[in-house]
């Protein structure tokens, strides 16, 4: 590999206090992931594809590896495309999210724009039914508990004064979309692409 950067790879390994002569089979999960990152970044890639890179790590190692991954990507200008089922990992690391469920894109766009597009609302049901005012908004998910309803919505105007509203977390937004495959998909402006002269979302 003529582009191999041995010094960068060794620096990543040594920063984890791993002896260079240690056999891979003797390393912990976090140490093996560090060595894998060292091999990947040592090749100086422009694009790095990672499939569940943190799935076998404990929380401490996951935090350490996440920090390492982001620092190396920023330093080298590497674009990282990563698949993950760890929702907290997505919130802390990603600039852009693509959520796929049952073969469909559920959400796509800038991570900072996806959450503010949603609101969690709570109110009182009417004779056990959801209020008709919900129909004015894009409803992702609704749940009824006793006399109260809880809904994840994308507001399309003012909300009734007797509803309580709150900004959800990214995890709450993702789970609502994953639990409701029939809900309308969301593409933020950053997810729109030009296709054959026409804008497609």
C-alpha atoms as a PDB file:
ATOM      1  CA  UNK A   1       0.000   0.000   0.000  1.00  0.00           C
ATOM      2  CA  UNK A   2       1.998   3.018  -1.229  1.00  0.00           C
ATOM      3  CA  UNK A   3      -0.222   5.400   0.745  1.00  0.00           C
ATOM      4  CA  UNK A   4       0.238   3.603   4.070  1.00  0.00           C
ATOM      5  CA  UNK A   5       0.848   5.982   6.996  1.00  0.00           C
ATOM      6  CA  UNK A   6       2.661   3.788   9.528  1.00  0.00           C
ATOM      7  CA  UNK A   7       3.291   6.613  11.982  1.00  0.00           C
ATOM      8  CA  UNK A   8      -0.406   7.480  12.188  1.00  0.00           C
ATOM      9  CA  UNK A   9      -1.418   3.845  12.670  1.00  0.00           C
ATOM     10  CA  UNK A  10       1.203   3.302  15.371  1.00  0.00           C
ATOM     11  CA  UNK A  11       0.169   6.498  17.142  1.00  0.00           C
ATOM     12  CA  UNK A  12      -3.447   5.300  17.354  1.00  0.00           C
ATOM     13  CA  UNK A  13      -2.344   1.915  18.706  1.00  0.00           C
ATOM     14  CA  UNK A  14       0.161   3.306  21.216  1.00  0.00           C
ATOM     15  CA  UNK A  15      -2.340   5.891  22.520  1.00  0.00           C
ATOM     16  CA  UNK A  16      -4.358   2.926  23.795  1.00  0.00           C
ATOM     17  CA  UNK A  17      -1.352   1.589  25.744  1.00  0.00           C
ATOM     18  CA  UNK A  18      -1.216  -1.510  23.526  1.00  0.00           C
ATOM     19  CA  UNK A  19       2.152  -3.213  23.254  1.00  0.00           C
ATOM     20  CA  UNK A  20       3.113  -3.487  19.592  1.00  0.00           C
ATOM     21  CA  UNK A  21       4.092  -7.157  19.876  1.00  0.00           C
ATOM     22  CA  UNK A  22       0.748  -8.245  21.411  1.00  0.00           C
ATOM     23  CA  UNK A  23      -1.260 -10.788  19.425  1.00  0.00           C
ATOM     24  CA  UNK A  24      -4.747  -9.675  18.345  1.00  0.00           C
ATOM     25  CA  UNK A  25      -6.366 -12.662  20.080  1.00  0.00           C
ATOM     26  CA  UNK A  26      -5.055 -11.432  23.426  1.00  0.00           C
ATOM     27  CA  UNK A  27      -6.659  -7.982  23.118  1.00  0.00           C
ATOM     28  CA  UNK A  28      -9.939  -6.807  24.623  1.00  0.00           C
ATOM     29  CA  UNK A  29     -12.849  -5.771  22.401  1.00  0.00           C
ATOM     30  CA  UNK A  30     -11.974  -2.099  22.767  1.00  0.00           C
ATOM     31  CA  UNK A  31      -8.321  -2.746  21.950  1.00  0.00           C
ATOM     32  CA  UNK A  32      -9.231  -4.769  18.861  1.00  0.00           C
ATOM     33  CA  UNK A  33     -11.487  -1.948  17.677  1.00  0.00           C
ATOM     34  CA  UNK A  34      -8.622   0.506  18.210  1.00  0.00           C
ATOM     35  CA  UNK A  35      -6.299  -1.648  16.087  1.00  0.00           C
ATOM     36  CA  UNK A  36      -8.987  -1.873  13.385  1.00  0.00           C
ATOM     37  CA  UNK A  37      -9.284   1.938  13.377  1.00  0.00           C
ATOM     38  CA  UNK A  38      -5.483   2.200  13.186  1.00  0.00           C
ATOM     39  CA  UNK A  39      -5.438  -0.064  10.115  1.00  0.00           C
ATOM     40  CA  UNK A  40      -8.269   1.888   8.507  1.00  0.00           C
ATOM     41  CA  UNK A  41      -6.874   5.385   9.128  1.00  0.00           C
ATOM     42  CA  UNK A  42      -3.340   4.234   8.289  1.00  0.00           C
ATOM     43  CA  UNK A  43      -4.541   3.831   4.706  1.00  0.00           C
ATOM     44  CA  UNK A  44      -5.478   7.528   4.628  1.00  0.00           C
ATOM     45  CA  UNK A  45      -8.960   6.915   3.195  1.00  0.00           C
ATOM     46  CA  UNK A  46     -11.150   9.689   1.844  1.00  0.00           C
ATOM     47  CA  UNK A  47     -14.211   7.585   2.677  1.00  0.00           C
ATOM     48  CA  UNK A  48     -14.514   5.117   5.559  1.00  0.00           C
ATOM     49  CA  UNK A  49     -17.453   2.663   5.726  1.00  0.00           C
ATOM     50  CA  UNK A  50     -18.118   1.239   9.201  1.00  0.00           C
ATOM     51  CA  UNK A  51     -20.693  -1.435  10.064  1.00  0.00           C
ATOM     52  CA  UNK A  52     -21.677  -1.387  13.768  1.00  0.00           C
ATOM     53  CA  UNK A  53     -18.147  -0.376  14.834  1.00  0.00           C
ATOM     54  CA  UNK A  54     -18.996   0.007  18.539  1.00  0.00           C
ATOM     55  CA  UNK A  55     -21.437  -2.863  18.999  1.00  0.00           C
ATOM     56  CA  UNK A  56     -19.161  -5.124  21.046  1.00  0.00           C
ATOM     57  CA  UNK A  57     -17.742  -2.428  23.324  1.00  0.00           C
ATOM     58  CA  UNK A  58     -18.568  -1.554  26.910  1.00  0.00           C
ATOM     59  CA  UNK A  59     -19.731   2.045  27.548  1.00  0.00           C
ATOM     60  CA  UNK A  60     -16.275   3.306  28.566  1.00  0.00           C
ATOM     61  CA  UNK A  61     -14.543   1.803  25.518  1.00  0.00           C
ATOM     62  CA  UNK A  62     -17.380   3.037  23.285  1.00  0.00           C
ATOM     63  CA  UNK A  63     -16.895   6.590  24.507  1.00  0.00           C
ATOM     64  CA  UNK A  64     -13.136   6.358  23.998  1.00  0.00           C
ATOM     65  CA  UNK A  65     -13.451   4.909  20.501  1.00  0.00           C
ATOM     66  CA  UNK A  66     -16.091   7.454  19.504  1.00  0.00           C
ATOM     67  CA  UNK A  67     -13.761  10.271  20.519  1.00  0.00           C
ATOM     68  CA  UNK A  68     -10.887   8.671  18.619  1.00  0.00           C
ATOM     69  CA  UNK A  69     -12.996   8.163  15.501  1.00  0.00           C
ATOM     70  CA  UNK A  70     -14.237  11.746  15.420  1.00  0.00           C
ATOM     71  CA  UNK A  71     -10.795  13.231  16.108  1.00  0.00           C
ATOM     72  CA  UNK A  72      -9.107  11.200  13.371  1.00  0.00           C
ATOM     73  CA  UNK A  73     -11.887  11.895  10.867  1.00  0.00           C
ATOM     74  CA  UNK A  74     -11.713  15.651  11.495  1.00  0.00           C
ATOM     75  CA  UNK A  75      -7.919  15.742  11.375  1.00  0.00           C
ATOM     76  CA  UNK A  76      -7.746  13.886   8.062  1.00  0.00           C
ATOM     77  CA  UNK A  77     -10.951  15.206   6.493  1.00  0.00           C
ATOM     78  CA  UNK A  78     -12.303  11.673   6.181  1.00  0.00           C
ATOM     79  CA  UNK A  79     -15.981  11.161   5.426  1.00  0.00           C
ATOM     80  CA  UNK A  80     -17.341   8.390   7.653  1.00  0.00           C
ATOM     81  CA  UNK A  81     -20.482   6.440   6.732  1.00  0.00           C
ATOM     82  CA  UNK A  82     -21.534   4.328   9.692  1.00  0.00           C
ATOM     83  CA  UNK A  83     -24.407   1.936  10.346  1.00  0.00           C
ATOM     84  CA  UNK A  84     -25.475   1.534  13.963  1.00  0.00           C
ATOM     85  CA  UNK A  85     -28.315   0.387  16.195  1.00  0.00           C
ATOM     86  CA  UNK A  86     -26.905   2.345  19.162  1.00  0.00           C
ATOM     87  CA  UNK A  87     -29.093   5.445  19.289  1.00  0.00           C
ATOM     88  CA  UNK A  88     -26.915   7.408  21.722  1.00  0.00           C
ATOM     89  CA  UNK A  89     -23.974   6.828  19.386  1.00  0.00           C
ATOM     90  CA  UNK A  90     -25.883   8.464  16.546  1.00  0.00           C
ATOM     91  CA  UNK A  91     -26.818  11.542  18.534  1.00  0.00           C
ATOM     92  CA  UNK A  92     -23.274  12.254  19.675  1.00  0.00           C
ATOM     93  CA  UNK A  93     -21.378  11.499  16.480  1.00  0.00           C
ATOM     94  CA  UNK A  94     -23.396  12.097  13.332  1.00  0.00           C
ATOM     95  CA  UNK A  95     -23.908  15.254  11.305  1.00  0.00           C
ATOM     96  CA  UNK A  96     -26.340  13.537   8.969  1.00  0.00           C
ATOM     97  CA  UNK A  97     -28.783  10.680   9.594  1.00  0.00           C
ATOM     98  CA  UNK A  98     -30.533   8.194   7.343  1.00  0.00           C
ATOM     99  CA  UNK A  99     -33.045   6.002   9.183  1.00  0.00           C
ATOM    100  CA  UNK A 100     -34.178   2.850   7.392  1.00  0.00           C
ATOM    101  CA  UNK A 101     -36.920   0.500   8.639  1.00  0.00           C
ATOM    102  CA  UNK A 102     -38.695  -2.312   6.804  1.00  0.00           C
ATOM    103  CA  UNK A 103     -36.883  -1.408   3.600  1.00  0.00           C
ATOM    104  CA  UNK A 104     -38.062   2.226   3.607  1.00  0.00           C
ATOM    105  CA  UNK A 105     -36.313   5.474   4.399  1.00  0.00           C
ATOM    106  CA  UNK A 106     -38.085   6.856   7.461  1.00  0.00           C
ATOM    107  CA  UNK A 107     -35.990   9.978   8.022  1.00  0.00           C
ATOM    108  CA  UNK A 108     -33.081  11.633   6.266  1.00  0.00           C
ATOM    109  CA  UNK A 109     -31.327  14.893   6.816  1.00  0.00           C
ATOM    110  CA  UNK A 110     -29.111  16.977   9.026  1.00  0.00           C
ATOM    111  CA  UNK A 111     -29.153  15.577  12.562  1.00  0.00           C
ATOM    112  CA  UNK A 112     -29.571  19.070  14.030  1.00  0.00           C
ATOM    113  CA  UNK A 113     -32.714  19.649  11.947  1.00  0.00           C
ATOM    114  CA  UNK A 114     -34.534  16.357  12.543  1.00  0.00           C
ATOM    115  CA  UNK A 115     -35.304  16.705  16.247  1.00  0.00           C
ATOM    116  CA  UNK A 116     -36.561  20.337  16.195  1.00  0.00           C
ATOM    117  CA  UNK A 117     -39.044  19.343  13.470  1.00  0.00           C
ATOM    118  CA  UNK A 118     -40.878  17.217  16.072  1.00  0.00           C
ATOM    119  CA  UNK A 119     -42.863  17.998  19.201  1.00  0.00           C
ATOM    120  CA  UNK A 120     -44.137  15.740  21.955  1.00  0.00           C
ATOM    121  CA  UNK A 121     -47.655  16.743  22.973  1.00  0.00           C
ATOM    122  CA  UNK A 122     -49.826  15.570  25.854  1.00  0.00           C
ATOM    123  CA  UNK A 123     -53.492  16.294  26.350  1.00  0.00           C
ATOM    124  CA  UNK A 124     -56.843  14.923  27.471  1.00  0.00           C
ATOM    125  CA  UNK A 125     -58.837  12.553  25.265  1.00  0.00           C
ATOM    126  CA  UNK A 126     -62.465  13.296  24.425  1.00  0.00           C
ATOM    127  CA  UNK A 127     -64.705  10.400  25.311  1.00  0.00           C
ATOM    128  CA  UNK A 128     -61.650   8.157  24.966  1.00  0.00           C
ATOM    129  CA  UNK A 129     -60.911   9.435  21.459  1.00  0.00           C
ATOM    130  CA  UNK A 130     -58.002  11.480  20.164  1.00  0.00           C
ATOM    131  CA  UNK A 131     -58.864  15.158  19.611  1.00  0.00           C
ATOM    132  CA  UNK A 132     -59.619  16.173  16.041  1.00  0.00           C
ATOM    133  CA  UNK A 133     -57.035  18.964  16.278  1.00  0.00           C
ATOM    134  CA  UNK A 134     -54.327  16.338  15.805  1.00  0.00           C
ATOM    135  CA  UNK A 135     -55.450  15.935  12.197  1.00  0.00           C
ATOM    136  CA  UNK A 136     -54.059  19.398  11.426  1.00  0.00           C
ATOM    137  CA  UNK A 137     -50.522  18.167  12.075  1.00  0.00           C
ATOM    138  CA  UNK A 138     -48.303  15.357  10.781  1.00  0.00           C
ATOM    139  CA  UNK A 139     -48.746  12.607  13.367  1.00  0.00           C
ATOM    140  CA  UNK A 140     -45.886  10.137  13.761  1.00  0.00           C
ATOM    141  CA  UNK A 141     -47.153   8.177  16.774  1.00  0.00           C
ATOM    142  CA  UNK A 142     -49.963   8.360  19.329  1.00  0.00           C
ATOM    143  CA  UNK A 143     -50.556   6.536  22.591  1.00  0.00           C
ATOM    144  CA  UNK A 144     -53.486   6.706  25.000  1.00  0.00           C
ATOM    145  CA  UNK A 145     -53.030   6.125  28.726  1.00  0.00           C
ATOM    146  CA  UNK A 146     -56.194   6.477  30.757  1.00  0.00           C
ATOM    147  CA  UNK A 147     -57.712   9.835  29.908  1.00  0.00           C
ATOM    148  CA  UNK A 148     -54.496  11.244  28.477  1.00  0.00           C
ATOM    149  CA  UNK A 149     -52.997  10.978  25.029  1.00  0.00           C
ATOM    150  CA  UNK A 150     -49.342  11.360  24.090  1.00  0.00           C
ATOM    151  CA  UNK A 151     -48.354  12.089  20.511  1.00  0.00           C
ATOM    152  CA  UNK A 152     -45.180  12.664  18.524  1.00  0.00           C
ATOM    153  CA  UNK A 153     -46.065  15.178  15.834  1.00  0.00           C
ATOM    154  CA  UNK A 154     -44.550  17.523  13.306  1.00  0.00           C
ATOM    155  CA  UNK A 155     -46.553  20.699  13.949  1.00  0.00           C
ATOM    156  CA  UNK A 156     -48.099  22.568  11.044  1.00  0.00           C
ATOM    157  CA  UNK A 157     -49.351  25.507  13.044  1.00  0.00           C
ATOM    158  CA  UNK A 158     -50.259  26.631  16.553  1.00  0.00           C
ATOM    159  CA  UNK A 159     -51.078  23.995  19.160  1.00  0.00           C
ATOM    160  CA  UNK A 160     -54.139  24.144  21.432  1.00  0.00           C
ATOM    161  CA  UNK A 161     -53.448  26.007  24.659  1.00  0.00           C
ATOM    162  CA  UNK A 162     -54.549  23.065  26.809  1.00  0.00           C
ATOM    163  CA  UNK A 163     -51.912  20.733  25.337  1.00  0.00           C
ATOM    164  CA  UNK A 164     -48.538  20.346  26.994  1.00  0.00           C
ATOM    165  CA  UNK A 165     -45.657  20.315  24.544  1.00  0.00           C
ATOM    166  CA  UNK A 166     -41.968  19.451  24.826  1.00  0.00           C
ATOM    167  CA  UNK A 167     -39.013  18.957  22.505  1.00  0.00           C
ATOM    168  CA  UNK A 168     -38.187  15.246  22.268  1.00  0.00           C
ATOM    169  CA  UNK A 169     -34.751  13.687  22.311  1.00  0.00           C
ATOM    170  CA  UNK A 170     -33.281  12.167  19.165  1.00  0.00           C
ATOM    171  CA  UNK A 171     -33.838   8.718  20.675  1.00  0.00           C
ATOM    172  CA  UNK A 172     -37.543   9.456  21.224  1.00  0.00           C
ATOM    173  CA  UNK A 173     -37.910  10.688  17.632  1.00  0.00           C
ATOM    174  CA  UNK A 174     -36.137   7.645  16.185  1.00  0.00           C
ATOM    175  CA  UNK A 175     -38.130   5.177  18.273  1.00  0.00           C
ATOM    176  CA  UNK A 176     -41.427   6.842  17.337  1.00  0.00           C
ATOM    177  CA  UNK A 177     -40.614   6.533  13.637  1.00  0.00           C
ATOM    178  CA  UNK A 178     -39.418   2.936  13.992  1.00  0.00           C
ATOM    179  CA  UNK A 179     -42.577   1.947  15.904  1.00  0.00           C
ATOM    180  CA  UNK A 180     -44.823   3.605  13.313  1.00  0.00           C
ATOM    181  CA  UNK A 181     -43.815   2.358   9.855  1.00  0.00           C
ATOM    182  CA  UNK A 182     -46.935   3.857   8.308  1.00  0.00           C
ATOM    183  CA  UNK A 183     -46.138   7.404   9.421  1.00  0.00           C
ATOM    184  CA  UNK A 184     -45.043   9.894   6.747  1.00  0.00           C
ATOM    185  CA  UNK A 185     -41.301   9.958   6.144  1.00  0.00           C
ATOM    186  CA  UNK A 186     -39.295  13.098   6.874  1.00  0.00           C
ATOM    187  CA  UNK A 187     -36.641  14.579   4.604  1.00  0.00           C
ATOM    188  CA  UNK A 188     -35.043  17.807   5.775  1.00  0.00           C
ATOM    189  CA  UNK A 189     -33.782  20.353   3.271  1.00  0.00           C
ATOM    190  CA  UNK A 190     -30.274  18.899   3.590  1.00  0.00           C
ATOM    191  CA  UNK A 191     -31.561  15.537   2.329  1.00  0.00           C
ATOM    192  CA  UNK A 192     -32.887  16.869  -0.950  1.00  0.00           C
ATOM    193  CA  UNK A 193     -30.896  16.006  -4.042  1.00  0.00           C
ATOM    194  CA  UNK A 194     -31.039  17.022  -7.661  1.00  0.00           C
ATOM    195  CA  UNK A 195     -32.098  14.132  -9.895  1.00  0.00           C
ATOM    196  CA  UNK A 196     -32.055  14.697 -13.652  1.00  0.00           C
ATOM    197  CA  UNK A 197     -32.825  18.380 -13.289  1.00  0.00           C
ATOM    198  CA  UNK A 198     -35.730  17.837 -10.883  1.00  0.00           C
ATOM    199  CA  UNK A 199     -35.525  18.192  -7.148  1.00  0.00           C
ATOM    200  CA  UNK A 200     -36.320  14.918  -5.437  1.00  0.00           C
ATOM    201  CA  UNK A 201     -36.855  14.428  -1.731  1.00  0.00           C
END
